[in-house]
C-alpha atoms as a PDB file:
ATOM      1  CA  MET A   1     132.190  66.027  90.862  1.00  0.00           C
ATOM      2  CA  PRO A   2     134.082  68.313  93.244  1.00  0.00           C
ATOM      3  CA  THR A   3     137.749  67.590  93.130  1.00  0.00           C
ATOM      4  CA  PRO A   4     139.386  65.982  96.462  1.00  0.00           C
ATOM      5  CA  ALA A   5     140.587  69.019  97.217  1.00  0.00           C
ATOM      6  CA  THR A   6     137.185  70.308  97.730  1.00  0.00           C
ATOM      7  CA  ARG A   7     136.331  70.949 101.547  1.00  0.00           C
ATOM      8  CA  PRO A   8     133.119  72.221 102.871  1.00  0.00           C
ATOM      9  CA  THR A   9     133.489  75.559 104.018  1.00  0.00           C
ATOM     10  CA  CYS A  10     131.427  76.218 107.455  1.00  0.00           C
ATOM     11  CA  TRP A  11     132.258  73.353 109.791  1.00  0.00           C
ATOM     12  CA  PRO A  12     133.452  74.924 112.781  1.00  0.00           C
ATOM     13  CA  ASN A  13     137.261  74.281 113.184  1.00  0.00           C
ATOM     14  CA  ALA A  14     136.921  72.431 116.284  1.00  0.00           C
ATOM     15  CA  LEU A  15     135.006  69.631 115.704  1.00  0.00           C
ATOM     16  CA  SER A  16     133.748  66.753 117.798  1.00  0.00           C
ATOM     17  CA  ASP A  17     134.470  63.277 116.763  1.00  0.00           C
ATOM     18  CA  SER A  18     131.007  62.485 115.256  1.00  0.00           C
ATOM     19  CA  GLY A  19     131.372  65.895 113.196  1.00  0.00           C
ATOM     20  CA  GLY A  20     135.320  65.033 112.237  1.00  0.00           C
ATOM     21  CA  ARG A  21     133.862  61.666 110.880  1.00  0.00           C
ATOM     22  CA  LEU A  22     131.479  62.759 108.596  1.00  0.00           C
ATOM     23  CA  LEU A  23     133.485  65.498 107.237  1.00  0.00           C
ATOM     24  CA  LEU A  24     136.151  62.853 106.429  1.00  0.00           C
ATOM     25  CA  LEU A  25     133.584  60.343 105.424  1.00  0.00           C
ATOM     26  CA  CYS A  26     132.086  63.023 102.980  1.00  0.00           C
ATOM     27  CA  ALA A  27     135.766  63.879 101.585  1.00  0.00           C
ATOM     28  CA  ALA A  28     135.715  60.145 100.740  1.00  0.00           C
ATOM     29  CA  LEU A  29     132.724  59.999  98.899  1.00  0.00           C
ATOM     30  CA  ALA A  30     134.440  62.922  96.726  1.00  0.00           C
ATOM     31  CA  GLY A  31     137.315  60.987  95.998  1.00  0.00           C
ATOM     32  CA  GLU A  32     139.797  61.463  98.954  1.00  0.00           C
ATOM     33  CA  ARG A  33     141.576  58.657 100.292  1.00  0.00           C
ATOM     34  CA  PRO A  34     141.606  58.519 104.058  1.00  0.00           C
ATOM     35  CA  ALA A  35     144.482  57.861 105.722  1.00  0.00           C
ATOM     36  CA  ASP A  36     145.103  53.602 106.859  1.00  0.00           C
ATOM     37  CA  ASP A  37     144.496  54.969 110.448  1.00  0.00           C
ATOM     38  CA  ASP A  38     140.989  56.871 109.683  1.00  0.00           C
ATOM     39  CA  TRP A  39     139.122  53.553 108.092  1.00  0.00           C
ATOM     40  CA  PRO A  40     138.010  51.752 111.360  1.00  0.00           C
ATOM     41  CA  ALA A  41     136.259  55.058 112.166  1.00  0.00           C
ATOM     42  CA  LEU A  42     134.719  55.971 108.580  1.00  0.00           C
ATOM     43  CA  LEU A  43     133.622  52.397 107.773  1.00  0.00           C
ATOM     44  CA  PRO A  44     131.324  51.746 111.156  1.00  0.00           C
ATOM     45  CA  LEU A  45     129.734  55.636 110.021  1.00  0.00           C
ATOM     46  CA  ALA A  46     129.667  54.949 106.417  1.00  0.00           C
ATOM     47  CA  ASN A  47     127.548  51.535 107.499  1.00  0.00           C
ATOM     48  CA  ARG A  48     124.995  53.016 109.317  1.00  0.00           C
ATOM     49  CA  LEU A  49     124.517  55.849 106.674  1.00  0.00           C
ATOM     50  CA  LEU A  50     124.489  52.983 103.751  1.00  0.00           C
ATOM     51  CA  VAL A  51     127.014  54.707 101.937  1.00  0.00           C
ATOM     52  CA  THR A  52     129.796  51.773 102.281  1.00  0.00           C
ATOM     53  CA  PRO A  53     128.788  50.330  98.537  1.00  0.00           C
ATOM     54  CA  ALA A  54     129.573  54.016  97.732  1.00  0.00           C
ATOM     55  CA  LEU A  55     132.952  54.092  99.173  1.00  0.00           C
ATOM     56  CA  ALA A  56     133.297  50.364  97.655  1.00  0.00           C
ATOM     57  CA  ALA A  57     132.855  51.828  93.867  1.00  0.00           C
ATOM     58  CA  LEU A  58     135.363  54.411  94.923  1.00  0.00           C
ATOM     59  CA  PHE A  59     137.992  52.531  96.460  1.00  0.00           C
ATOM     60  CA  ASP A  60     137.729  49.260  95.903  1.00  0.00           C
ATOM     61  CA  GLY A  61     140.953  47.461  93.981  1.00  0.00           C
ATOM     62  CA  ASP A  62     143.099  50.342  95.579  1.00  0.00           C
ATOM     63  CA  SER A  63     146.113  48.862  96.585  1.00  0.00           C
ATOM     64  CA  ARG A  64     147.217  52.301  98.634  1.00  0.00           C
ATOM     65  CA  ILE A  65     144.556  51.472 101.111  1.00  0.00           C
ATOM     66  CA  PRO A  66     144.556  48.815 104.004  1.00  0.00           C
ATOM     67  CA  ARG A  67     144.370  45.330 102.683  1.00  0.00           C
ATOM     68  CA  ASP A  68     141.240  44.405 104.880  1.00  0.00           C
ATOM     69  CA  VAL A  69     139.674  47.527 104.402  1.00  0.00           C
ATOM     70  CA  ARG A  70     140.271  46.772 100.025  1.00  0.00           C
ATOM     71  CA  GLN A  71     138.760  42.957 101.131  1.00  0.00           C
ATOM     72  CA  PHE A  72     135.920  44.258 103.068  1.00  0.00           C
ATOM     73  CA  LEU A  73     134.746  46.703 100.426  1.00  0.00           C
ATOM     74  CA  GLY A  74     135.408  44.132  97.707  1.00  0.00           C
ATOM     75  CA  VAL A  75     132.652  41.994  99.266  1.00  0.00           C
ATOM     76  CA  ILE A  76     130.123  44.697 100.099  1.00  0.00           C
ATOM     77  CA  GLY A  77     130.562  45.623  96.603  1.00  0.00           C
ATOM     78  CA  SER A  78     129.963  42.068  95.260  1.00  0.00           C
ATOM     79  CA  ARG A  79     127.116  41.683  97.515  1.00  0.00           C
ATOM     80  CA  THR A  80     125.775  45.191  96.243  1.00  0.00           C
ATOM     81  CA  LEU A  81     125.839  43.749  92.698  1.00  0.00           C
ATOM     82  CA  ALA A  82     124.057  40.771  93.513  1.00  0.00           C
ATOM     83  CA  ARG A  83     121.640  42.672  95.705  1.00  0.00           C
ATOM     84  CA  ASN A  84     120.905  45.168  92.560  1.00  0.00           C
ATOM     85  CA  THR A  85     120.463  42.254  90.154  1.00  0.00           C
ATOM     86  CA  MET A  86     117.753  40.703  92.051  1.00  0.00           C
ATOM     87  CA  MET A  87     115.920  44.131  92.324  1.00  0.00           C
ATOM     88  CA  ARG A  88     116.625  44.963  88.473  1.00  0.00           C
ATOM     89  CA  ALA A  89     115.150  41.581  87.864  1.00  0.00           C
ATOM     90  CA  GLN A  90     112.247  41.748  90.350  1.00  0.00           C
ATOM     91  CA  LEU A  91     111.419  45.421  89.014  1.00  0.00           C
ATOM     92  CA  GLU A  92     111.372  44.558  85.105  1.00  0.00           C
ATOM     93  CA  GLU A  93     109.102  41.340  85.721  1.00  0.00           C
ATOM     94  CA  ALA A  94     106.593  44.048  87.580  1.00  0.00           C
ATOM     95  CA  VAL A  95     106.478  45.611  84.787  1.00  0.00           C
ATOM     96  CA  ALA A  96     106.184  43.220  82.050  1.00  0.00           C
ATOM     97  CA  ALA A  97     102.942  42.126  84.729  1.00  0.00           C
ATOM     98  CA  LEU A  98     102.089  45.463  84.878  1.00  0.00           C
ATOM     99  CA  HIS A  99     102.543  46.314  80.897  1.00  0.00           C
ATOM    100  CA  ALA A 100     100.429  43.497  79.992  1.00  0.00           C
ATOM    101  CA  ARG A 101      97.121  45.315  81.496  1.00  0.00           C
ATOM    102  CA  GLY A 102      97.974  48.255  79.991  1.00  0.00           C
ATOM    103  CA  ILE A 103      99.588  50.019  82.923  1.00  0.00           C
ATOM    104  CA  VAL A 104     102.538  52.055  82.471  1.00  0.00           C
ATOM    105  CA  PRO A 105     104.005  53.121  85.500  1.00  0.00           C
ATOM    106  CA  LEU A 106     106.409  56.005  86.613  1.00  0.00           C
ATOM    107  CA  LEU A 107     109.087  54.750  88.550  1.00  0.00           C
ATOM    108  CA  PHE A 108     111.027  57.521  91.195  1.00  0.00           C
ATOM    109  CA  LYS A 109     113.674  57.431  93.659  1.00  0.00           C
ATOM    110  CA  GLY A 110     115.831  54.098  93.808  1.00  0.00           C
ATOM    111  CA  ALA A 111     113.010  52.359  91.223  1.00  0.00           C
ATOM    112  CA  ALA A 112     114.373  55.148  88.359  1.00  0.00           C
ATOM    113  CA  GLY A 113     118.120  55.055  89.011  1.00  0.00           C
ATOM    114  CA  LEU A 114     118.096  50.791  88.861  1.00  0.00           C
ATOM    115  CA  ALA A 115     115.756  51.537  85.452  1.00  0.00           C
ATOM    116  CA  GLU A 116     118.093  54.113  83.686  1.00  0.00           C
ATOM    117  CA  ALA A 117     121.811  52.013  84.598  1.00  0.00           C
ATOM    118  CA  ALA A 118     122.676  49.699  81.397  1.00  0.00           C
ATOM    119  CA  GLN A 119     123.389  47.292  83.997  1.00  0.00           C
ATOM    120  CA  PRO A 120     122.908  46.620  88.024  1.00  0.00           C
ATOM    121  CA  VAL A 121     125.634  48.937  89.550  1.00  0.00           C
ATOM    122  CA  ALA A 122     127.435  47.869  92.694  1.00  0.00           C
ATOM    123  CA  GLY A 123     127.728  52.019  94.262  1.00  0.00           C
ATOM    124  CA  ARG A 124     124.336  52.329  95.311  1.00  0.00           C
ATOM    125  CA  LEU A 125     121.895  50.279  97.949  1.00  0.00           C
ATOM    126  CA  PHE A 126     118.124  50.027  96.701  1.00  0.00           C
ATOM    127  CA  CYS A 127     116.193  49.475  99.461  1.00  0.00           C
ATOM    128  CA  ASP A 128     112.533  49.101  97.989  1.00  0.00           C
ATOM    129  CA  LEU A 129     111.067  50.228  94.444  1.00  0.00           C
ATOM    130  CA  ASP A 130     108.572  52.845  94.482  1.00  0.00           C
ATOM    131  CA  LEU A 131     106.320  53.070  91.039  1.00  0.00           C
ATOM    132  CA  LEU A 132     103.507  55.851  90.831  1.00  0.00           C
ATOM    133  CA  ILE A 133     100.436  55.010  88.541  1.00  0.00           C
ATOM    134  CA  ALA A 134      97.000  56.461  87.751  1.00  0.00           C
ATOM    135  CA  ASP A 135      94.289  56.261  90.303  1.00  0.00           C
ATOM    136  CA  ASN A 136      92.028  54.483  87.832  1.00  0.00           C
ATOM    137  CA  ALA A 137      94.571  51.464  87.489  1.00  0.00           C
ATOM    138  CA  GLY A 138      94.806  50.476  90.861  1.00  0.00           C
ATOM    139  CA  ASP A 139      92.493  47.436  90.945  1.00  0.00           C
ATOM    140  CA  ASP A 140      94.668  46.669  88.445  1.00  0.00           C
ATOM    141  CA  ALA A 141      97.841  46.816  89.292  1.00  0.00           C
ATOM    142  CA  ARG A 142      97.387  45.156  92.589  1.00  0.00           C
ATOM    143  CA  GLY A 143      96.103  42.371  90.642  1.00  0.00           C
ATOM    144  CA  ALA A 144      99.044  41.899  88.598  1.00  0.00           C
ATOM    145  CA  LEU A 145     101.398  42.189  91.619  1.00  0.00           C
ATOM    146  CA  GLN A 146      99.678  39.581  93.699  1.00  0.00           C
ATOM    147  CA  ASP A 147      99.625  37.078  90.451  1.00  0.00           C
ATOM    148  CA  LEU A 148     103.151  37.576  90.823  1.00  0.00           C
ATOM    149  CA  GLY A 149     102.731  35.911  94.428  1.00  0.00           C
ATOM    150  CA  TYR A 150     102.890  39.689  95.893  1.00  0.00           C
ATOM    151  CA  CYS A 151     101.046  39.568  99.278  1.00  0.00           C
ATOM    152  CA  VAL A 152     100.287  43.383 100.515  1.00  0.00           C
ATOM    153  CA  LEU A 153     102.203  44.470 103.941  1.00  0.00           C
ATOM    154  CA  ASN A 154     100.427  47.710 104.444  1.00  0.00           C
ATOM    155  CA  SER A 155      97.787  49.476 102.633  1.00  0.00           C
ATOM    156  CA  ALA A 156      95.766  53.360 103.492  1.00  0.00           C
ATOM    157  CA  GLY A 157      95.003  55.865 101.253  1.00  0.00           C
ATOM    158  CA  GLY A 158      95.156  54.639  98.143  1.00  0.00           C
ATOM    159  CA  GLU A 159      98.850  53.424  98.599  1.00  0.00           C
ATOM    160  CA  ALA A 160      99.828  49.549  99.401  1.00  0.00           C
ATOM    161  CA  THR A 161     103.147  48.180  99.884  1.00  0.00           C
ATOM    162  CA  PHE A 162     103.823  44.490  98.502  1.00  0.00           C
ATOM    163  CA  TYR A 163     106.050  42.016  99.489  1.00  0.00           C
ATOM    164  CA  ARG A 164     107.192  38.841  98.661  1.00  0.00           C
ATOM    165  CA  GLU A 165     109.860  36.392 101.043  1.00  0.00           C
ATOM    166  CA  ARG A 166     112.482  35.902  98.004  1.00  0.00           C
ATOM    167  CA  ASP A 167     112.902  39.325  96.977  1.00  0.00           C
ATOM    168  CA  ALA A 168     115.433  41.423  97.980  1.00  0.00           C
ATOM    169  CA  GLY A 169     112.867  44.875  98.362  1.00  0.00           C
ATOM    170  CA  GLY A 170     109.613  45.290  98.545  1.00  0.00           C
ATOM    171  CA  ILE A 171     107.147  47.448  96.156  1.00  0.00           C
ATOM    172  CA  ASP A 172     105.288  50.418  97.196  1.00  0.00           C
ATOM    173  CA  LEU A 173     102.881  51.131  94.878  1.00  0.00           C
ATOM    174  CA  HIS A 174     101.336  55.076  94.604  1.00  0.00           C
ATOM    175  CA  CYS A 175      98.523  56.660  93.128  1.00  0.00           C
ATOM    176  CA  ARG A 176      99.806  59.954  94.930  1.00  0.00           C
ATOM    177  CA  VAL A 177     103.215  61.642  95.608  1.00  0.00           C
ATOM    178  CA  ARG A 178     103.452  63.529  99.295  1.00  0.00           C
ATOM    179  CA  SER A 179     106.877  63.983  98.733  1.00  0.00           C
ATOM    180  CA  LEU A 180     106.288  67.790  97.085  1.00  0.00           C
ATOM    181  CA  GLY A 181     104.013  69.225  99.864  1.00  0.00           C
ATOM    182  CA  GLY A 182     100.814  69.021  97.844  1.00  0.00           C
ATOM    183  CA  ARG A 183      98.890  65.096  96.457  1.00  0.00           C
ATOM    184  CA  GLN A 184     100.174  64.939  92.664  1.00  0.00           C
ATOM    185  CA  ARG A 185      98.831  62.456  90.532  1.00  0.00           C
ATOM    186  CA  TYR A 186     100.431  60.629  87.496  1.00  0.00           C
ATOM    187  CA  ALA A 187      99.257  63.046  85.205  1.00  0.00           C
ATOM    188  CA  ASP A 188     101.191  65.782  87.166  1.00  0.00           C
ATOM    189  CA  PHE A 189     103.984  64.166  85.885  1.00  0.00           C
ATOM    190  CA  GLU A 190     103.586  63.344  82.525  1.00  0.00           C
ATOM    191  CA  THR A 191     105.311  66.123  81.178  1.00  0.00           C
ATOM    192  CA  LEU A 192     108.379  65.604  83.229  1.00  0.00           C
ATOM    193  CA  SER A 193     109.158  62.601  82.602  1.00  0.00           C
ATOM    194  CA  THR A 194     109.652  60.741  79.392  1.00  0.00           C
ATOM    195  CA  GLU A 195     108.664  56.735  78.224  1.00  0.00           C
ATOM    196  CA  ARG A 196     110.686  53.890  77.525  1.00  0.00           C
ATOM    197  CA  GLN A 197     110.977  50.502  76.904  1.00  0.00           C
ATOM    198  CA  LEU A 198     112.119  48.005  80.096  1.00  0.00           C
ATOM    199  CA  GLY A 199     112.505  44.409  79.964  1.00  0.00           C
ATOM    200  CA  ALA A 200     109.170  43.298  78.203  1.00  0.00           C
ATOM    201  CA  GLY A 201     107.286  46.355  79.849  1.00  0.00           C
ATOM    202  CA  VAL A 202     107.376  50.268  80.107  1.00  0.00           C
ATOM    203  CA  VAL A 203     107.684  52.622  81.860  1.00  0.00           C
ATOM    204  CA  ARG A 204     107.957  56.191  82.192  1.00  0.00           C
ATOM    205  CA  LEU A 205     111.056  57.630  84.129  1.00  0.00           C
ATOM    206  CA  PRO A 206     111.818  61.409  85.329  1.00  0.00           C
ATOM    207  CA  LEU A 207     113.690  63.613  83.772  1.00  0.00           C
ATOM    208  CA  PRO A 208     116.398  65.210  86.091  1.00  0.00           C
ATOM    209  CA  LEU A 209     114.470  67.899  87.588  1.00  0.00           C
ATOM    210  CA  LEU A 210     111.739  65.737  88.574  1.00  0.00           C
ATOM    211  CA  GLN A 211     114.083  63.235  89.979  1.00  0.00           C
ATOM    212  CA  ALA A 212     115.996  65.895  91.919  1.00  0.00           C
ATOM    213  CA  ALA A 213     112.144  67.564  93.311  1.00  0.00           C
ATOM    214  CA  LEU A 214     111.453  64.453  94.469  1.00  0.00           C
ATOM    215  CA  VAL A 215     114.621  63.103  96.135  1.00  0.00           C
ATOM    216  CA  ILE A 216     114.723  66.793  98.547  1.00  0.00           C
ATOM    217  CA  GLY A 217     111.239  66.453  98.921  1.00  0.00           C
ATOM    218  CA  HIS A 218     111.202  63.019 100.247  1.00  0.00           C
ATOM    219  CA  ASP A 219     113.479  64.105 102.830  1.00  0.00           C
ATOM    220  CA  GLN A 220     113.170  67.417 103.362  1.00  0.00           C
ATOM    221  CA  ILE A 221     109.054  67.143 103.823  1.00  0.00           C
ATOM    222  CA  GLN A 222     107.843  63.990 103.935  1.00  0.00           C
ATOM    223  CA  GLU A 223     110.610  62.297 105.905  1.00  0.00           C
ATOM    224  CA  ARG A 224     110.481  65.934 108.304  1.00  0.00           C
ATOM    225  CA  ASP A 225     114.238  66.456 107.864  1.00  0.00           C
ATOM    226  CA  TYR A 226     113.856  70.039 107.388  1.00  0.00           C
ATOM    227  CA  TRP A 227     112.058  70.609 110.742  1.00  0.00           C
ATOM    228  CA  ARG A 228     114.691  68.225 112.517  1.00  0.00           C
ATOM    229  CA  GLY A 229     117.381  69.143 111.343  1.00  0.00           C
ATOM    230  CA  LEU A 230     118.581  65.860 109.525  1.00  0.00           C
ATOM    231  CA  VAL A 231     120.468  64.488 106.283  1.00  0.00           C
ATOM    232  CA  ASP A 232     120.247  61.610 104.688  1.00  0.00           C
ATOM    233  CA  LEU A 233     123.866  60.819 103.357  1.00  0.00           C
ATOM    234  CA  ARG A 234     122.484  58.495 100.599  1.00  0.00           C
ATOM    235  CA  HIS A 235     120.214  60.616  98.742  1.00  0.00           C
ATOM    236  CA  LEU A 236     121.925  63.390  99.282  1.00  0.00           C
ATOM    237  CA  LEU A 237     124.163  61.397  96.825  1.00  0.00           C
ATOM    238  CA  ASP A 238     121.514  60.577  94.615  1.00  0.00           C
ATOM    239  CA  LEU A 239     121.403  64.138  94.478  1.00  0.00           C
ATOM    240  CA  ARG A 240     124.912  64.940  93.904  1.00  0.00           C
ATOM    241  CA  THR A 241     124.663  62.837  90.989  1.00  0.00           C
ATOM    242  CA  VAL A 242     121.738  64.466  89.578  1.00  0.00           C
ATOM    243  CA  VAL A 243     123.467  67.254  89.163  1.00  0.00           C
ATOM    244  CA  THR A 244     126.916  66.139  87.931  1.00  0.00           C
ATOM    245  CA  GLU A 245     125.814  63.681  85.045  1.00  0.00           C
ATOM    246  CA  THR A 246     123.183  66.490  84.101  1.00  0.00           C
ATOM    247  CA  GLY A 247     124.930  69.801  84.693  1.00  0.00           C
ATOM    248  CA  ALA A 248     123.612  72.577  86.992  1.00  0.00           C
ATOM    249  CA  LEU A 249     119.935  72.540  87.743  1.00  0.00           C
ATOM    250  CA  ASP A 250     117.176  74.844  86.332  1.00  0.00           C
ATOM    251  CA  TYR A 251     116.766  76.625  89.600  1.00  0.00           C
ATOM    252  CA  ALA A 252     113.289  78.572  88.467  1.00  0.00           C
ATOM    253  CA  ALA A 253     112.162  75.496  87.403  1.00  0.00           C
ATOM    254  CA  LEU A 254     112.638  73.429  90.630  1.00  0.00           C
ATOM    255  CA  ALA A 255     111.799  75.722  92.799  1.00  0.00           C
ATOM    256  CA  ARG A 256     108.033  75.918  91.203  1.00  0.00           C
ATOM    257  CA  LEU A 257     107.941  72.217  92.311  1.00  0.00           C
ATOM    258  CA  PHE A 258     107.700  73.681  95.952  1.00  0.00           C
ATOM    259  CA  PRO A 259     104.944  76.275  96.285  1.00  0.00           C
ATOM    260  CA  GLY A 260     105.136  78.085  99.416  1.00  0.00           C
ATOM    261  CA  THR A 261     107.461  79.571 101.383  1.00  0.00           C
ATOM    262  CA  THR A 262     108.168  77.204 103.875  1.00  0.00           C
ATOM    263  CA  ALA A 263     108.639  74.171 100.812  1.00  0.00           C
ATOM    264  CA  ARG A 264     110.838  76.937  99.203  1.00  0.00           C
ATOM    265  CA  ARG A 265     112.941  76.933 102.362  1.00  0.00           C
ATOM    266  CA  ALA A 266     113.346  73.257 102.613  1.00  0.00           C
ATOM    267  CA  LEU A 267     114.544  73.499  99.162  1.00  0.00           C
ATOM    268  CA  ASP A 268     117.012  75.930  99.496  1.00  0.00           C
ATOM    269  CA  CYS A 269     118.162  74.496 102.609  1.00  0.00           C
ATOM    270  CA  GLN A 270     119.087  71.085 100.660  1.00  0.00           C
ATOM    271  CA  LEU A 271     120.769  72.835  98.299  1.00  0.00           C
ATOM    272  CA  LEU A 272     123.195  74.524 100.962  1.00  0.00           C
ATOM    273  CA  THR A 273     123.573  71.408 102.463  1.00  0.00           C
ATOM    274  CA  LEU A 274     124.521  69.761  99.251  1.00  0.00           C
ATOM    275  CA  ARG A 275     127.008  72.474  98.654  1.00  0.00           C
ATOM    276  CA  ASP A 276     128.466  72.922 101.936  1.00  0.00           C
ATOM    277  CA  LEU A 277     129.057  68.973 101.794  1.00  0.00           C
ATOM    278  CA  PHE A 278     129.829  68.166  98.697  1.00  0.00           C
ATOM    279  CA  GLY A 279     130.944  71.448  97.241  1.00  0.00           C
ATOM    280  CA  VAL A 280     128.277  71.510  94.897  1.00  0.00           C
ATOM    281  CA  PRO A 281     127.854  75.219  93.528  1.00  0.00           C
ATOM    282  CA  LEU A 282     124.419  76.701  94.175  1.00  0.00           C
ATOM    283  CA  PRO A 283     122.560  76.551  90.906  1.00  0.00           C
ATOM    284  CA  ALA A 284     122.333  79.766  88.994  1.00  0.00           C
ATOM    285  CA  GLY A 285     118.869  81.819  90.561  1.00  0.00           C
ATOM    286  CA  CYS A 286     119.565  80.209  93.890  1.00  0.00           C
ATOM    287  CA  ALA A 287     119.642  82.364  96.744  1.00  0.00           C
ATOM    288  CA  PRO A 288     118.278  81.327 100.095  1.00  0.00           C
ATOM    289  CA  GLY A 289     117.039  83.683 102.677  1.00  0.00           C
ATOM    290  CA  PRO A 290     118.499  83.613 106.473  1.00  0.00           C
ATOM    291  CA  VAL A 291     116.087  80.691 107.400  1.00  0.00           C
ATOM    292  CA  ALA A 292     117.154  78.480 104.946  1.00  0.00           C
ATOM    293  CA  ARG A 293     121.046  79.355 105.645  1.00  0.00           C
ATOM    294  CA  LEU A 294     119.986  79.600 109.412  1.00  0.00           C
ATOM    295  CA  GLN A 295     118.769  75.711 109.208  1.00  0.00           C
ATOM    296  CA  SER A 296     121.402  74.686 106.838  1.00  0.00           C
ATOM    297  CA  ARG A 297     123.809  75.963 109.419  1.00  0.00           C
ATOM    298  CA  ARG A 298     122.058  74.167 112.371  1.00  0.00           C
ATOM    299  CA  ARG A 299     121.782  71.008 110.824  1.00  0.00           C
ATOM    300  CA  LEU A 300     125.379  71.226 110.839  1.00  0.00           C
ATOM    301  CA  TRP A 301     126.137  72.356 114.548  1.00  0.00           C
ATOM    302  CA  GLN A 302     123.324  69.422 115.358  1.00  0.00           C
ATOM    303  CA  MET A 303     125.733  67.343 114.186  1.00  0.00           C
ATOM    304  CA  GLU A 304     128.069  67.690 116.500  1.00  0.00           C
ATOM    305  CA  ARG A 305     125.134  67.756 119.532  1.00  0.00           C
ATOM    306  CA  PRO A 306     122.881  64.987 118.895  1.00  0.00           C
ATOM    307  CA  LEU A 307     120.977  66.203 122.473  1.00  0.00           C
ATOM    308  CA  SER A 308     119.887  69.179 120.572  1.00  0.00           C
ATOM    309  CA  ARG A 309     117.615  68.173 118.153  1.00  0.00           C
ATOM    310  CA  VAL A 310     114.397  68.232 120.184  1.00  0.00           C
ATOM    311  CA  PRO A 311     114.604  71.479 121.192  1.00  0.00           C
ATOM    312  CA  LEU A 312     115.736  73.105 117.739  1.00  0.00           C
ATOM    313  CA  THR A 313     113.236  71.005 116.501  1.00  0.00           C
ATOM    314  CA  ALA A 314     110.300  72.243 118.566  1.00  0.00           C
ATOM    315  CA  ILE A 315     111.863  75.908 117.796  1.00  0.00           C
ATOM    316  CA  SER A 316     111.871  74.914 114.304  1.00  0.00           C
ATOM    317  CA  LEU A 317     108.285  74.401 114.198  1.00  0.00           C
ATOM    318  CA  LEU A 318     107.805  78.188 116.366  1.00  0.00           C
ATOM    319  CA  VAL A 319     109.290  79.833 114.024  1.00  0.00           C
ATOM    320  CA  ASP A 320     108.854  78.091 110.435  1.00  0.00           C
ATOM    321  CA  PRO A 321     105.786  75.934 110.501  1.00  0.00           C
ATOM    322  CA  PRO A 322     104.685  73.776 107.750  1.00  0.00           C
ATOM    323  CA  VAL A 323     102.616  76.568 105.992  1.00  0.00           C
ATOM    324  CA  GLY A 324     100.983  76.226 102.225  1.00  0.00           C
ATOM    325  CA  ALA A 325     101.022  72.884 100.540  1.00  0.00           C
ATOM    326  CA  VAL A 326     102.925  70.877 103.621  1.00  0.00           C
ATOM    327  CA  ALA A 327      99.877  72.321 105.960  1.00  0.00           C
ATOM    328  CA  ARG A 328      97.064  71.496 103.530  1.00  0.00           C
ATOM    329  CA  ALA A 329      98.614  67.920 102.528  1.00  0.00           C
ATOM    330  CA  GLN A 330      98.351  67.062 106.739  1.00  0.00           C
ATOM    331  CA  ARG A 331      95.097  69.118 106.810  1.00  0.00           C
ATOM    332  CA  GLY A 332      93.902  66.109 104.691  1.00  0.00           C
ATOM    333  CA  LEU A 333      94.241  63.390 107.080  1.00  0.00           C
ATOM    334  CA  PRO A 334      92.428  62.144 109.990  1.00  0.00           C
ATOM    335  CA  PRO A 335      93.195  63.674 113.009  1.00  0.00           C
ATOM    336  CA  ARG A 336      95.146  60.964 114.135  1.00  0.00           C
ATOM    337  CA  LYS A 337      96.840  61.022 111.569  1.00  0.00           C
ATOM    338  CA  ARG A 338      97.957  64.434 111.808  1.00  0.00           C
ATOM    339  CA  ALA A 339      98.912  64.062 115.410  1.00  0.00           C
ATOM    340  CA  GLN A 340     101.381  61.510 114.516  1.00  0.00           C
ATOM    341  CA  TYR A 341     102.735  63.228 111.875  1.00  0.00           C
ATOM    342  CA  VAL A 342     103.664  65.996 115.011  1.00  0.00           C
ATOM    343  CA  ARG A 343     105.207  63.417 117.234  1.00  0.00           C
ATOM    344  CA  ARG A 344     107.672  61.958 114.380  1.00  0.00           C
ATOM    345  CA  MET A 345     108.946  65.238 113.993  1.00  0.00           C
ATOM    346  CA  PHE A 346     110.070  64.586 118.016  1.00  0.00           C
ATOM    347  CA  ALA A 347     110.992  60.684 117.609  1.00  0.00           C
ATOM    348  CA  ALA A 348     113.902  59.179 117.509  1.00  0.00           C
ATOM    349  CA  GLN A 349     115.848  59.808 114.341  1.00  0.00           C
ATOM    350  CA  LYS A 350     116.399  56.731 111.766  1.00  0.00           C
ATOM    351  CA  PRO A 351     119.387  54.912 111.873  1.00  0.00           C
ATOM    352  CA  ASN A 352     120.588  55.981 108.283  1.00  0.00           C
ATOM    353  CA  LYS A 353     120.096  59.690 108.898  1.00  0.00           C
ATOM    354  CA  ALA A 354     123.208  61.918 109.934  1.00  0.00           C
END
């Protein structure tokens, strides 16, 4: 992890209020204790970006911070732990039901994080459970979840979201993964994952390289953050965790999961942002070109000037439009869906995005 003294190097000298708060928040998430009078500005931003549990894990019980802040972080930490405990039990129940039908799901994103921890943790907020299954297992998987009392919230293209009112989060069942710009299937990731027992069932967990790729691809390509100039700080922390816990990423292997020039630029842009906000060095062999560097600088500049997002997004689409696997994935959609994809480039950003 970067030392508390590690500071981003590419921020302008004069920061706006929003940019300054984000910089202070990143320093706090790197372990640097904020000044007492900084907490009232940092906590609302941390709440909006869904990273307050990470602050709680770092500073809960620290007698050097204000008492009311310490109490607040204690409540957040305990409630996050309770939620994650519920979601871990929910995941184990679903995995056992799938196992009874001969299905071994591949967990990714938050579901993989929940399964990898020996015990539920309080430092990360999990929202839903993402499970990837083989194409021929779709009907059996749906039946297994419906037998547990799940209802289908929505379903499209062989994928479905399931929910039960008593649960903390839903289950997203996937037959394909769009995060990397293509339509990868279960079999494409078997060599990049390992099998493991989870409760009464068996799952496949992504190797660190694949977990990093899926986190990056989800935000940069699927959520369009590369073109929109946005940052999901919670997922950036996930990426930092992968790097700090497993060592530097194999950039050549990682880049092979991002076919095409645009996808590779999106990868490099996110690695630059990880370096700039948290001081994590670029992996060996990563040499971002001028477009990726410009995009990484653009998102930091845009954080201070949110009204610039729409015109800068339009420029990004003109200068560096989706091509290769990214474009092919969108061409596979009906015309209405393709139009929605473009319109959402300009839609209001999610509240948890910076």
